[in-house]
Every structure is written in C-alpha cells, then in structure tokens.
Amino acid sequence: MIRFKINREIKFLFHTLLLFTYPVAADTNQRIISVNGTVTEIIYALNLESQLVAVDSTSYYPKQATTLPNVGYQRTLTTEGILNFKPSQVIGLESAGPAATIQNLKDAGIPLRLFADDFKIETPTYRVLEIGKLLGKEKEARILAKTINEQIKKLNIKKSNIKVLFIYSRNPSSVFISGTGTAAHAMIELSGAKNAVNEFSEYKPLTSEALVKANPDIILMPEKSALGFGGEKAIWEINGMEFTRAGKEKNLILVDDLLLLGFGPRLPLALKTLNDKWKQIE
C-alpha cells in the first residue's frame, strides 16, 4: 500500500524566489484587487502586497494573503463587492466572472487585466513579466522570471508510463474527472506521466465504467477537493475503484490546489515533486 501526500506548506521555492527580488518603495496610490490566487502569489513575490486592498477566496498563499479583505470566489464576483474598495487596478484570469460583473466594472472605468487560462511551461514567467510591467516592477519581474526559468531548466523530468486520473469533487454525489485541455491534464503531462483519460476534453462526470476502463495507477486530487469529498476513505469507496491498480494499492496523491493547478512561480517545484512520485511508484 503506497500513499503520497504533498505538504501544502511547501515554502522552499517561494522563499528562494523572494531572495531574488529587491524591495522598492511602493506606490501608495495603487489600490490593487487580485481575483486569482496565482496573481496574488506573484504580487507578493514582487513585494507589492502593501498595495493590495482585497483578494478573492482562492488567494490563500502566502498565508498573509488570508488576512486581507475578501471579495468572494473569482467566478462569482459582484460589482458592488469590487467597487466598495475603490480599486485602481483589478487583476485576474479570463475565467473571472460572471460576465455581467466584468462588464459593469469596465463601464465604471475600472482598469482590468485578465490573463488567459493558459497551461504552458512558459505561463508563470509570462504572467510575472506582464504583472511587473503593469505595476511598475519590471526589473524585479525580470529577476523573478529568470529565477523561475532557471528552476525549469534544472528539472530532469523522466517520462513515465504511469497513468494518472485526476478527480475533482466537493461532495460524493458530484464527481468529475479531467480529460484533455485542463490545468490538471497539463500538469500530468508536463510532469512526465500520462493522463488516464484522453477520450474527451475538459471535465465530465465520473462513471464506474469509465473508471474501470481507465484503470489508473494513481489517483491525483487537490487537497481541498479531497477534504470536501470526505477524505481518503470515501475515495476508495467510489464504485469501480477496487478494480483499478490505484484502488488495489491505495495510490493517492493529494496536492495543494494552488500549487497543483495555479501555474504560478512554484510550477517547477510542483513538476519536480510529481515526477519524483511517478518514479517511486512505477
């Protein structure tokens, strides 16, 4: 029986990146609202946290971000909830919404920068450089981006035939698995393993037939999703799980949601950690 769990408190890479940034006097005129956890992480890495007036509910890393006022979940934002903070800049991803709120903010003249939901190896450095340019921290952003690139170049990703099934669920009555075209799929592939499901894109409800057919070697889940689902015991009780290698050997990896799916500054750390796990179980 093998079970792996990646500690949500992994801070080494983040602290390393901070060593390469230099504190610069903040422009106190900026009032930034971040509506995405990865954006918030980058803002902290660029030493701009003093200009954050509010964040969304996915912004929990670093821990200090949780002490800031919260505007709610990035996909269910309200116009009033944003405007109350009189922001000079709102930054997030294109998945932010609903569309009516985004349009209302534009109509109100609030500067918005929403990045594409890209899942590429270059995504973290692109976001860092663009946010640095947007907020007047270009020099620091270049240093941080260089550090991330160096971490990526040092990765020694070994390709594996391990089949990984990514499961997402907040409760046992609604279970989804990832096909292609998702952050989860990209992470599995970039870390050297294979997605156990390639017949469809995005997410679809899990069926026992699909589970048995996929026969994953490992189950991969975000920590918060697994907690809401009912924990490890509930995972192994999913119909059909007992017929898979993952179910028989109890091969489970739980990863902090933002580390796993955020495509932020800690991407090299996430990829290395996953690849190490694939090699251990193959």
C-alpha atoms as a PDB file:
ATOM      1  CA  MET A   1       0.000   0.000   0.000  1.00  0.00           C
ATOM      2  CA  ILE A   2       1.539   3.279  -1.086  1.00  0.00           C
ATOM      3  CA  ARG A   3       0.139   6.698  -0.363  1.00  0.00           C
ATOM      4  CA  PHE A   4       1.760  10.012  -1.087  1.00  0.00           C
ATOM      5  CA  LYS A   5       0.755  13.427   0.167  1.00  0.00           C
ATOM      6  CA  ILE A   6       2.469  16.641  -0.843  1.00  0.00           C
ATOM      7  CA  ASN A   7       2.665  19.059   2.097  1.00  0.00           C
ATOM      8  CA  ARG A   8       0.651  22.186   1.477  1.00  0.00           C
ATOM      9  CA  GLU A   9       3.169  24.182   3.480  1.00  0.00           C
ATOM     10  CA  ILE A  10       5.998  23.730   0.976  1.00  0.00           C
ATOM     11  CA  LYS A  11       7.680  27.109   1.049  1.00  0.00           C
ATOM     12  CA  PHE A  12      11.248  26.491  -0.078  1.00  0.00           C
ATOM     13  CA  LEU A  13      10.919  27.583  -3.702  1.00  0.00           C
ATOM     14  CA  PHE A  14       8.762  30.572  -2.852  1.00  0.00           C
ATOM     15  CA  HIS A  15      11.303  31.802  -0.329  1.00  0.00           C
ATOM     16  CA  THR A  16      14.116  31.193  -2.790  1.00  0.00           C
ATOM     17  CA  LEU A  17      12.346  33.324  -5.363  1.00  0.00           C
ATOM     18  CA  LEU A  18      11.859  36.116  -2.860  1.00  0.00           C
ATOM     19  CA  LEU A  19      15.613  36.258  -2.319  1.00  0.00           C
ATOM     20  CA  PHE A  20      15.975  37.389  -5.897  1.00  0.00           C
ATOM     21  CA  THR A  21      13.596  40.329  -5.579  1.00  0.00           C
ATOM     22  CA  TYR A  22      14.520  43.692  -4.159  1.00  0.00           C
ATOM     23  CA  PRO A  23      12.157  45.776  -2.037  1.00  0.00           C
ATOM     24  CA  VAL A  24      11.298  49.054  -3.696  1.00  0.00           C
ATOM     25  CA  ALA A  25       9.237  51.817  -2.177  1.00  0.00           C
ATOM     26  CA  ALA A  26       5.621  51.087  -3.033  1.00  0.00           C
ATOM     27  CA  ASP A  27       3.429  53.497  -4.938  1.00  0.00           C
ATOM     28  CA  THR A  28       0.807  54.048  -2.273  1.00  0.00           C
ATOM     29  CA  ASN A  29      -1.560  55.472  -4.885  1.00  0.00           C
ATOM     30  CA  GLN A  30      -2.214  51.994  -6.277  1.00  0.00           C
ATOM     31  CA  ARG A  31      -5.189  50.107  -4.901  1.00  0.00           C
ATOM     32  CA  ILE A  32      -5.000  46.601  -6.354  1.00  0.00           C
ATOM     33  CA  ILE A  33      -7.592  43.874  -6.126  1.00  0.00           C
ATOM     34  CA  SER A  34      -6.425  40.395  -7.105  1.00  0.00           C
ATOM     35  CA  VAL A  35      -9.173  37.993  -8.073  1.00  0.00           C
ATOM     36  CA  ASN A  36      -6.941  34.962  -8.569  1.00  0.00           C
ATOM     37  CA  GLY A  37      -4.660  33.062  -6.213  1.00  0.00           C
ATOM     38  CA  THR A  38      -1.747  32.851  -8.644  1.00  0.00           C
ATOM     39  CA  VAL A  39      -1.918  36.583  -9.331  1.00  0.00           C
ATOM     40  CA  THR A  40      -1.849  37.223  -5.585  1.00  0.00           C
ATOM     41  CA  GLU A  41       1.165  34.930  -5.183  1.00  0.00           C
ATOM     42  CA  ILE A  42       3.024  36.853  -7.893  1.00  0.00           C
ATOM     43  CA  ILE A  43       2.154  40.208  -6.325  1.00  0.00           C
ATOM     44  CA  TYR A  44       3.648  39.024  -3.043  1.00  0.00           C
ATOM     45  CA  ALA A  45       6.730  37.686  -4.819  1.00  0.00           C
ATOM     46  CA  LEU A  46       7.226  41.137  -6.324  1.00  0.00           C
ATOM     47  CA  ASN A  47       6.940  42.762  -2.867  1.00  0.00           C
ATOM     48  CA  LEU A  48       3.777  44.621  -3.847  1.00  0.00           C
ATOM     49  CA  GLU A  49       1.497  43.241  -1.163  1.00  0.00           C
ATOM     50  CA  SER A  50       1.208  46.658   0.528  1.00  0.00           C
ATOM     51  CA  GLN A  51      -0.784  47.802  -2.498  1.00  0.00           C
ATOM     52  CA  LEU A  52      -3.337  45.002  -2.261  1.00  0.00           C
ATOM     53  CA  VAL A  53      -6.623  46.220  -0.833  1.00  0.00           C
ATOM     54  CA  ALA A  54      -8.554  42.968  -1.337  1.00  0.00           C
ATOM     55  CA  VAL A  55      -8.248  39.456  -2.771  1.00  0.00           C
ATOM     56  CA  ASP A  56     -10.524  36.606  -3.794  1.00  0.00           C
ATOM     57  CA  SER A  57     -11.128  33.335  -1.962  1.00  0.00           C
ATOM     58  CA  THR A  58      -8.510  31.409  -3.982  1.00  0.00           C
ATOM     59  CA  SER A  59      -5.819  33.730  -2.619  1.00  0.00           C
ATOM     60  CA  TYR A  60      -4.508  31.815   0.374  1.00  0.00           C
ATOM     61  CA  TYR A  61      -0.782  31.643  -0.465  1.00  0.00           C
ATOM     62  CA  PRO A  62       1.257  33.043   1.060  1.00  0.00           C
ATOM     63  CA  LYS A  63      -0.679  32.802   4.312  1.00  0.00           C
ATOM     64  CA  GLN A  64      -0.554  36.569   4.848  1.00  0.00           C
ATOM     65  CA  ALA A  65      -2.971  36.984   1.947  1.00  0.00           C
ATOM     66  CA  THR A  66      -5.750  35.436   4.014  1.00  0.00           C
ATOM     67  CA  THR A  67      -5.698  38.447   6.346  1.00  0.00           C
ATOM     68  CA  LEU A  68      -6.805  40.790   3.557  1.00  0.00           C
ATOM     69  CA  PRO A  69     -10.454  41.688   2.830  1.00  0.00           C
ATOM     70  CA  ASN A  70     -12.080  39.079   0.601  1.00  0.00           C
ATOM     71  CA  VAL A  71     -14.297  39.803  -2.409  1.00  0.00           C
ATOM     72  CA  GLY A  72     -15.505  36.213  -2.810  1.00  0.00           C
ATOM     73  CA  TYR A  73     -14.874  33.490  -5.360  1.00  0.00           C
ATOM     74  CA  GLN A  74     -13.283  34.604  -8.628  1.00  0.00           C
ATOM     75  CA  ARG A  75     -16.131  33.256 -10.773  1.00  0.00           C
ATOM     76  CA  THR A  76     -18.954  34.752  -8.700  1.00  0.00           C
ATOM     77  CA  LEU A  77     -17.781  38.314  -8.134  1.00  0.00           C
ATOM     78  CA  THR A  78     -20.200  41.175  -7.518  1.00  0.00           C
ATOM     79  CA  THR A  79     -19.865  44.681  -8.871  1.00  0.00           C
ATOM     80  CA  GLU A  80     -20.530  46.316  -5.508  1.00  0.00           C
ATOM     81  CA  GLY A  81     -18.106  43.978  -3.759  1.00  0.00           C
ATOM     82  CA  ILE A  82     -15.315  45.228  -6.035  1.00  0.00           C
ATOM     83  CA  LEU A  83     -16.267  48.908  -6.250  1.00  0.00           C
ATOM     84  CA  ASN A  84     -16.535  49.245  -2.472  1.00  0.00           C
ATOM     85  CA  PHE A  85     -12.720  49.112  -2.307  1.00  0.00           C
ATOM     86  CA  LYS A  86     -12.259  51.866  -4.909  1.00  0.00           C
ATOM     87  CA  PRO A  87      -9.612  49.876  -6.828  1.00  0.00           C
ATOM     88  CA  SER A  88      -7.198  51.476  -9.248  1.00  0.00           C
ATOM     89  CA  GLN A  89      -6.494  48.057 -10.808  1.00  0.00           C
ATOM     90  CA  VAL A  90      -8.206  44.644 -10.834  1.00  0.00           C
ATOM     91  CA  ILE A  91      -6.107  41.672 -11.941  1.00  0.00           C
ATOM     92  CA  GLY A  92      -7.177  38.078 -12.505  1.00  0.00           C
ATOM     93  CA  LEU A  93      -7.801  35.455 -15.164  1.00  0.00           C
ATOM     94  CA  GLU A  94     -10.284  35.422 -18.028  1.00  0.00           C
ATOM     95  CA  SER A  95     -12.315  32.872 -16.082  1.00  0.00           C
ATOM     96  CA  ALA A  96     -13.252  35.642 -13.633  1.00  0.00           C
ATOM     97  CA  GLY A  97     -16.919  36.473 -13.662  1.00  0.00           C
ATOM     98  CA  PRO A  98     -19.772  36.497 -14.070  1.00  0.00           C
ATOM     99  CA  ALA A  99     -19.659  38.347 -17.377  1.00  0.00           C
ATOM    100  CA  ALA A 100     -22.145  40.960 -16.142  1.00  0.00           C
ATOM    101  CA  THR A 101     -19.854  41.930 -13.263  1.00  0.00           C
ATOM    102  CA  ILE A 102     -16.838  42.220 -15.546  1.00  0.00           C
ATOM    103  CA  GLN A 103     -18.801  44.429 -17.939  1.00  0.00           C
ATOM    104  CA  ASN A 104     -20.070  46.595 -15.078  1.00  0.00           C
ATOM    105  CA  LEU A 105     -16.510  47.149 -13.882  1.00  0.00           C
ATOM    106  CA  LYS A 106     -15.439  48.135 -17.385  1.00  0.00           C
ATOM    107  CA  ASP A 107     -18.384  50.515 -17.659  1.00  0.00           C
ATOM    108  CA  ALA A 108     -17.351  52.039 -14.329  1.00  0.00           C
ATOM    109  CA  GLY A 109     -13.904  52.734 -15.761  1.00  0.00           C
ATOM    110  CA  ILE A 110     -12.043  50.283 -13.524  1.00  0.00           C
ATOM    111  CA  PRO A 111      -8.773  49.146 -15.161  1.00  0.00           C
ATOM    112  CA  LEU A 112      -8.934  45.374 -15.637  1.00  0.00           C
ATOM    113  CA  ARG A 113      -6.209  42.953 -16.644  1.00  0.00           C
ATOM    114  CA  LEU A 114      -7.435  39.403 -17.093  1.00  0.00           C
ATOM    115  CA  PHE A 115      -4.883  36.817 -18.206  1.00  0.00           C
ATOM    116  CA  ALA A 116      -5.715  33.822 -20.365  1.00  0.00           C
ATOM    117  CA  ASP A 117      -6.162  30.483 -18.620  1.00  0.00           C
ATOM    118  CA  ASP A 118      -3.001  29.060 -20.183  1.00  0.00           C
ATOM    119  CA  PHE A 119      -1.429  25.819 -19.005  1.00  0.00           C
ATOM    120  CA  LYS A 120       2.042  26.007 -20.535  1.00  0.00           C
ATOM    121  CA  ILE A 121       5.541  25.713 -19.118  1.00  0.00           C
ATOM    122  CA  GLU A 122       6.048  29.382 -20.053  1.00  0.00           C
ATOM    123  CA  THR A 123       2.871  30.599 -18.345  1.00  0.00           C
ATOM    124  CA  PRO A 124       4.407  31.556 -14.966  1.00  0.00           C
ATOM    125  CA  THR A 125       7.179  33.697 -16.442  1.00  0.00           C
ATOM    126  CA  TYR A 126       4.776  35.407 -18.842  1.00  0.00           C
ATOM    127  CA  ARG A 127       2.425  36.311 -16.011  1.00  0.00           C
ATOM    128  CA  VAL A 128       5.267  37.533 -13.821  1.00  0.00           C
ATOM    129  CA  LEU A 129       6.669  39.785 -16.549  1.00  0.00           C
ATOM    130  CA  GLU A 130       3.275  41.189 -17.502  1.00  0.00           C
ATOM    131  CA  ILE A 131       2.256  41.899 -13.912  1.00  0.00           C
ATOM    132  CA  GLY A 132       5.640  43.512 -13.285  1.00  0.00           C
ATOM    133  CA  LYS A 133       5.163  45.729 -16.324  1.00  0.00           C
ATOM    134  CA  LEU A 134       1.616  46.597 -15.303  1.00  0.00           C
ATOM    135  CA  LEU A 135       2.548  47.555 -11.743  1.00  0.00           C
ATOM    136  CA  GLY A 136       5.886  49.263 -12.337  1.00  0.00           C
ATOM    137  CA  LYS A 137       8.104  46.416 -11.143  1.00  0.00           C
ATOM    138  CA  GLU A 138       9.726  45.428 -14.427  1.00  0.00           C
ATOM    139  CA  LYS A 139      13.251  44.972 -13.041  1.00  0.00           C
ATOM    140  CA  GLU A 140      12.065  42.784 -10.173  1.00  0.00           C
ATOM    141  CA  ALA A 141       9.812  40.826 -12.526  1.00  0.00           C
ATOM    142  CA  ARG A 142      12.711  40.081 -14.880  1.00  0.00           C
ATOM    143  CA  ILE A 143      14.792  38.787 -11.979  1.00  0.00           C
ATOM    144  CA  LEU A 144      11.933  36.619 -10.740  1.00  0.00           C
ATOM    145  CA  ALA A 145      11.174  35.315 -14.239  1.00  0.00           C
ATOM    146  CA  LYS A 146      14.840  34.449 -14.730  1.00  0.00           C
ATOM    147  CA  THR A 147      14.862  32.527 -11.470  1.00  0.00           C
ATOM    148  CA  ILE A 148      11.774  30.554 -12.498  1.00  0.00           C
ATOM    149  CA  ASN A 149      13.310  29.760 -15.889  1.00  0.00           C
ATOM    150  CA  GLU A 150      16.485  28.551 -14.232  1.00  0.00           C
ATOM    151  CA  GLN A 151      14.458  26.280 -11.969  1.00  0.00           C
ATOM    152  CA  ILE A 152      12.642  24.883 -15.013  1.00  0.00           C
ATOM    153  CA  LYS A 153      15.911  24.259 -16.885  1.00  0.00           C
ATOM    154  CA  LYS A 154      17.232  22.290 -13.919  1.00  0.00           C
ATOM    155  CA  LEU A 155      14.261  19.946 -13.969  1.00  0.00           C
ATOM    156  CA  ASN A 156      15.156  16.431 -15.011  1.00  0.00           C
ATOM    157  CA  ILE A 157      11.710  15.167 -15.907  1.00  0.00           C
ATOM    158  CA  LYS A 158      11.717  11.448 -16.663  1.00  0.00           C
ATOM    159  CA  LYS A 159       8.919  10.237 -18.900  1.00  0.00           C
ATOM    160  CA  SER A 160       6.810   7.514 -17.357  1.00  0.00           C
ATOM    161  CA  ASN A 161       4.039   5.166 -18.470  1.00  0.00           C
ATOM    162  CA  ILE A 162       2.218   5.781 -15.198  1.00  0.00           C
ATOM    163  CA  LYS A 163      -1.474   6.524 -15.810  1.00  0.00           C
ATOM    164  CA  VAL A 164      -2.862   9.241 -13.585  1.00  0.00           C
ATOM    165  CA  LEU A 165      -6.540  10.003 -13.064  1.00  0.00           C
ATOM    166  CA  PHE A 166      -7.358  13.475 -11.823  1.00  0.00           C
ATOM    167  CA  ILE A 167     -10.551  13.614  -9.783  1.00  0.00           C
ATOM    168  CA  TYR A 168     -12.302  16.785  -8.726  1.00  0.00           C
ATOM    169  CA  SER A 169     -15.259  16.870  -6.391  1.00  0.00           C
ATOM    170  CA  ARG A 170     -16.658  18.787  -3.455  1.00  0.00           C
ATOM    171  CA  ASN A 171     -19.036  16.029  -2.402  1.00  0.00           C
ATOM    172  CA  PRO A 172     -19.527  12.303  -3.130  1.00  0.00           C
ATOM    173  CA  SER A 173     -22.650  12.933  -5.222  1.00  0.00           C
ATOM    174  CA  SER A 174     -20.830  15.030  -7.803  1.00  0.00           C
ATOM    175  CA  VAL A 175     -17.537  13.567  -9.020  1.00  0.00           C
ATOM    176  CA  PHE A 176     -15.685  14.778 -12.109  1.00  0.00           C
ATOM    177  CA  ILE A 177     -12.596  13.564 -13.930  1.00  0.00           C
ATOM    178  CA  SER A 178     -10.273  15.512 -16.182  1.00  0.00           C
ATOM    179  CA  GLY A 179      -9.893  14.866 -19.860  1.00  0.00           C
ATOM    180  CA  THR A 180      -7.579  16.945 -22.052  1.00  0.00           C
ATOM    181  CA  GLY A 181      -7.353  20.720 -22.195  1.00  0.00           C
ATOM    182  CA  THR A 182      -7.277  21.331 -18.448  1.00  0.00           C
ATOM    183  CA  ALA A 183      -4.669  22.521 -15.972  1.00  0.00           C
ATOM    184  CA  ALA A 184      -4.707  19.037 -14.432  1.00  0.00           C
ATOM    185  CA  HIS A 185      -4.038  17.363 -17.795  1.00  0.00           C
ATOM    186  CA  ALA A 186      -1.173  19.755 -18.482  1.00  0.00           C
ATOM    187  CA  MET A 187       0.380  19.112 -15.076  1.00  0.00           C
ATOM    188  CA  ILE A 188       0.204  15.346 -15.535  1.00  0.00           C
ATOM    189  CA  GLU A 189       1.822  15.544 -18.967  1.00  0.00           C
ATOM    190  CA  LEU A 190       4.435  18.156 -18.062  1.00  0.00           C
ATOM    191  CA  SER A 191       5.482  16.107 -15.036  1.00  0.00           C
ATOM    192  CA  GLY A 192       6.164  13.085 -17.221  1.00  0.00           C
ATOM    193  CA  ALA A 193       3.111  10.879 -16.657  1.00  0.00           C
ATOM    194  CA  LYS A 194       0.070  10.097 -18.797  1.00  0.00           C
ATOM    195  CA  ASN A 195      -3.495  11.185 -18.301  1.00  0.00           C
ATOM    196  CA  ALA A 196      -5.553   8.027 -17.844  1.00  0.00           C
ATOM    197  CA  VAL A 197      -8.391   9.668 -19.804  1.00  0.00           C
ATOM    198  CA  ASN A 198      -7.901  11.160 -23.258  1.00  0.00           C
ATOM    199  CA  GLU A 199     -11.243  10.430 -24.933  1.00  0.00           C
ATOM    200  CA  PHE A 200     -12.741  13.842 -24.178  1.00  0.00           C
ATOM    201  CA  SER A 201     -11.732  17.382 -23.234  1.00  0.00           C
ATOM    202  CA  GLU A 202     -12.427  19.380 -20.081  1.00  0.00           C
ATOM    203  CA  TYR A 203     -14.309  17.665 -17.235  1.00  0.00           C
ATOM    204  CA  LYS A 204     -17.003  15.013 -17.263  1.00  0.00           C
ATOM    205  CA  PRO A 205     -18.861  13.156 -14.511  1.00  0.00           C
ATOM    206  CA  LEU A 206     -17.120  10.009 -13.357  1.00  0.00           C
ATOM    207  CA  THR A 207     -18.837   6.667 -14.006  1.00  0.00           C
ATOM    208  CA  SER A 208     -17.754   3.290 -12.694  1.00  0.00           C
ATOM    209  CA  GLU A 209     -17.432   2.049 -16.281  1.00  0.00           C
ATOM    210  CA  ALA A 210     -15.101   4.895 -17.228  1.00  0.00           C
ATOM    211  CA  LEU A 211     -13.066   4.345 -14.070  1.00  0.00           C
ATOM    212  CA  VAL A 212     -12.537   0.651 -14.723  1.00  0.00           C
ATOM    213  CA  LYS A 213     -11.701   1.314 -18.368  1.00  0.00           C
ATOM    214  CA  ALA A 214      -9.142   3.974 -17.461  1.00  0.00           C
ATOM    215  CA  ASN A 215      -7.574   1.695 -14.817  1.00  0.00           C
ATOM    216  CA  PRO A 216      -5.363   4.428 -13.364  1.00  0.00           C
ATOM    217  CA  ASP A 217      -2.178   3.640 -11.491  1.00  0.00           C
ATOM    218  CA  ILE A 218      -2.574   6.732  -9.343  1.00  0.00           C
ATOM    219  CA  ILE A 219      -5.409   8.998  -8.256  1.00  0.00           C
ATOM    220  CA  LEU A 220      -4.497  12.693  -8.148  1.00  0.00           C
ATOM    221  CA  MET A 221      -6.698  15.170  -6.292  1.00  0.00           C
ATOM    222  CA  PRO A 222      -6.467  18.699  -4.921  1.00  0.00           C
ATOM    223  CA  GLU A 223      -6.347  18.676  -1.132  1.00  0.00           C
ATOM    224  CA  LYS A 224      -9.417  20.859  -0.653  1.00  0.00           C
ATOM    225  CA  SER A 225     -11.397  18.758  -3.091  1.00  0.00           C
ATOM    226  CA  ALA A 226     -10.475  15.561  -1.274  1.00  0.00           C
ATOM    227  CA  LEU A 227     -11.420  17.104   2.051  1.00  0.00           C
ATOM    228  CA  GLY A 228     -14.829  18.171   0.770  1.00  0.00           C
ATOM    229  CA  PHE A 229     -15.308  14.761  -0.797  1.00  0.00           C
ATOM    230  CA  GLY A 230     -14.939  13.030   2.534  1.00  0.00           C
ATOM    231  CA  GLY A 231     -11.287  12.117   2.716  1.00  0.00           C
ATOM    232  CA  GLU A 232      -9.305   9.104   1.572  1.00  0.00           C
ATOM    233  CA  LYS A 233     -11.772   6.501   2.780  1.00  0.00           C
ATOM    234  CA  ALA A 234     -14.529   7.978   0.613  1.00  0.00           C
ATOM    235  CA  ILE A 235     -12.235   7.994  -2.413  1.00  0.00           C
ATOM    236  CA  TRP A 236     -11.599   4.250  -2.191  1.00  0.00           C
ATOM    237  CA  GLU A 237     -15.336   3.635  -1.877  1.00  0.00           C
ATOM    238  CA  ILE A 238     -16.081   5.082  -5.337  1.00  0.00           C
ATOM    239  CA  ASN A 239     -17.787   2.382  -7.409  1.00  0.00           C
ATOM    240  CA  GLY A 240     -15.269   0.565  -9.584  1.00  0.00           C
ATOM    241  CA  MET A 241     -12.205   1.883  -7.731  1.00  0.00           C
ATOM    242  CA  GLU A 242     -11.476  -1.575  -6.314  1.00  0.00           C
ATOM    243  CA  PHE A 243     -10.847  -2.887  -9.851  1.00  0.00           C
ATOM    244  CA  THR A 244      -8.094  -0.357 -10.615  1.00  0.00           C
ATOM    245  CA  ARG A 245      -4.431  -0.522  -9.714  1.00  0.00           C
ATOM    246  CA  ALA A 246      -4.774   2.743  -7.829  1.00  0.00           C
ATOM    247  CA  GLY A 247      -7.601   1.304  -5.764  1.00  0.00           C
ATOM    248  CA  LYS A 248      -5.902  -2.008  -5.084  1.00  0.00           C
ATOM    249  CA  GLU A 249      -2.627  -0.399  -3.999  1.00  0.00           C
ATOM    250  CA  LYS A 250      -4.189   2.720  -2.470  1.00  0.00           C
ATOM    251  CA  ASN A 251      -2.027   5.005  -4.611  1.00  0.00           C
ATOM    252  CA  LEU A 252      -3.195   8.517  -3.894  1.00  0.00           C
ATOM    253  CA  ILE A 253      -1.551  11.908  -4.248  1.00  0.00           C
ATOM    254  CA  LEU A 254      -3.148  14.935  -2.617  1.00  0.00           C
ATOM    255  CA  VAL A 255      -1.689  18.274  -3.622  1.00  0.00           C
ATOM    256  CA  ASP A 256      -2.425  21.811  -2.502  1.00  0.00           C
ATOM    257  CA  ASP A 257      -4.886  23.221  -5.039  1.00  0.00           C
ATOM    258  CA  LEU A 258      -2.932  26.354  -5.928  1.00  0.00           C
ATOM    259  CA  LEU A 259       0.408  24.555  -6.135  1.00  0.00           C
ATOM    260  CA  LEU A 260      -1.050  21.913  -8.428  1.00  0.00           C
ATOM    261  CA  LEU A 261      -3.256  23.983 -10.733  1.00  0.00           C
ATOM    262  CA  GLY A 262      -2.111  27.582 -10.358  1.00  0.00           C
ATOM    263  CA  PHE A 263       0.702  27.700 -12.950  1.00  0.00           C
ATOM    264  CA  GLY A 264       2.461  30.287 -10.845  1.00  0.00           C
ATOM    265  CA  PRO A 265       6.009  30.830  -9.527  1.00  0.00           C
ATOM    266  CA  ARG A 266       6.076  27.414  -7.821  1.00  0.00           C
ATOM    267  CA  LEU A 267       5.418  25.455 -11.028  1.00  0.00           C
ATOM    268  CA  PRO A 268       8.968  23.994 -11.154  1.00  0.00           C
ATOM    269  CA  LEU A 269       8.568  22.718  -7.603  1.00  0.00           C
ATOM    270  CA  ALA A 270       5.205  21.140  -8.398  1.00  0.00           C
ATOM    271  CA  LEU A 271       6.514  19.398 -11.517  1.00  0.00           C
ATOM    272  CA  LYS A 272       9.594  18.043  -9.785  1.00  0.00           C
ATOM    273  CA  THR A 273       7.617  16.739  -6.842  1.00  0.00           C
ATOM    274  CA  LEU A 274       5.081  14.983  -9.057  1.00  0.00           C
ATOM    275  CA  ASN A 275       7.768  13.464 -11.265  1.00  0.00           C
ATOM    276  CA  ASP A 276       9.552  12.111  -8.192  1.00  0.00           C
ATOM    277  CA  LYS A 277       6.326  10.417  -7.124  1.00  0.00           C
ATOM    278  CA  TRP A 278       5.766   8.878 -10.569  1.00  0.00           C
ATOM    279  CA  LYS A 279       9.270   7.376 -10.470  1.00  0.00           C
ATOM    280  CA  GLN A 280       8.708   5.956  -6.994  1.00  0.00           C
ATOM    281  CA  ILE A 281       5.558   4.093  -7.934  1.00  0.00           C
ATOM    282  CA  GLU A 282       6.322   2.949 -11.478  1.00  0.00           C
END
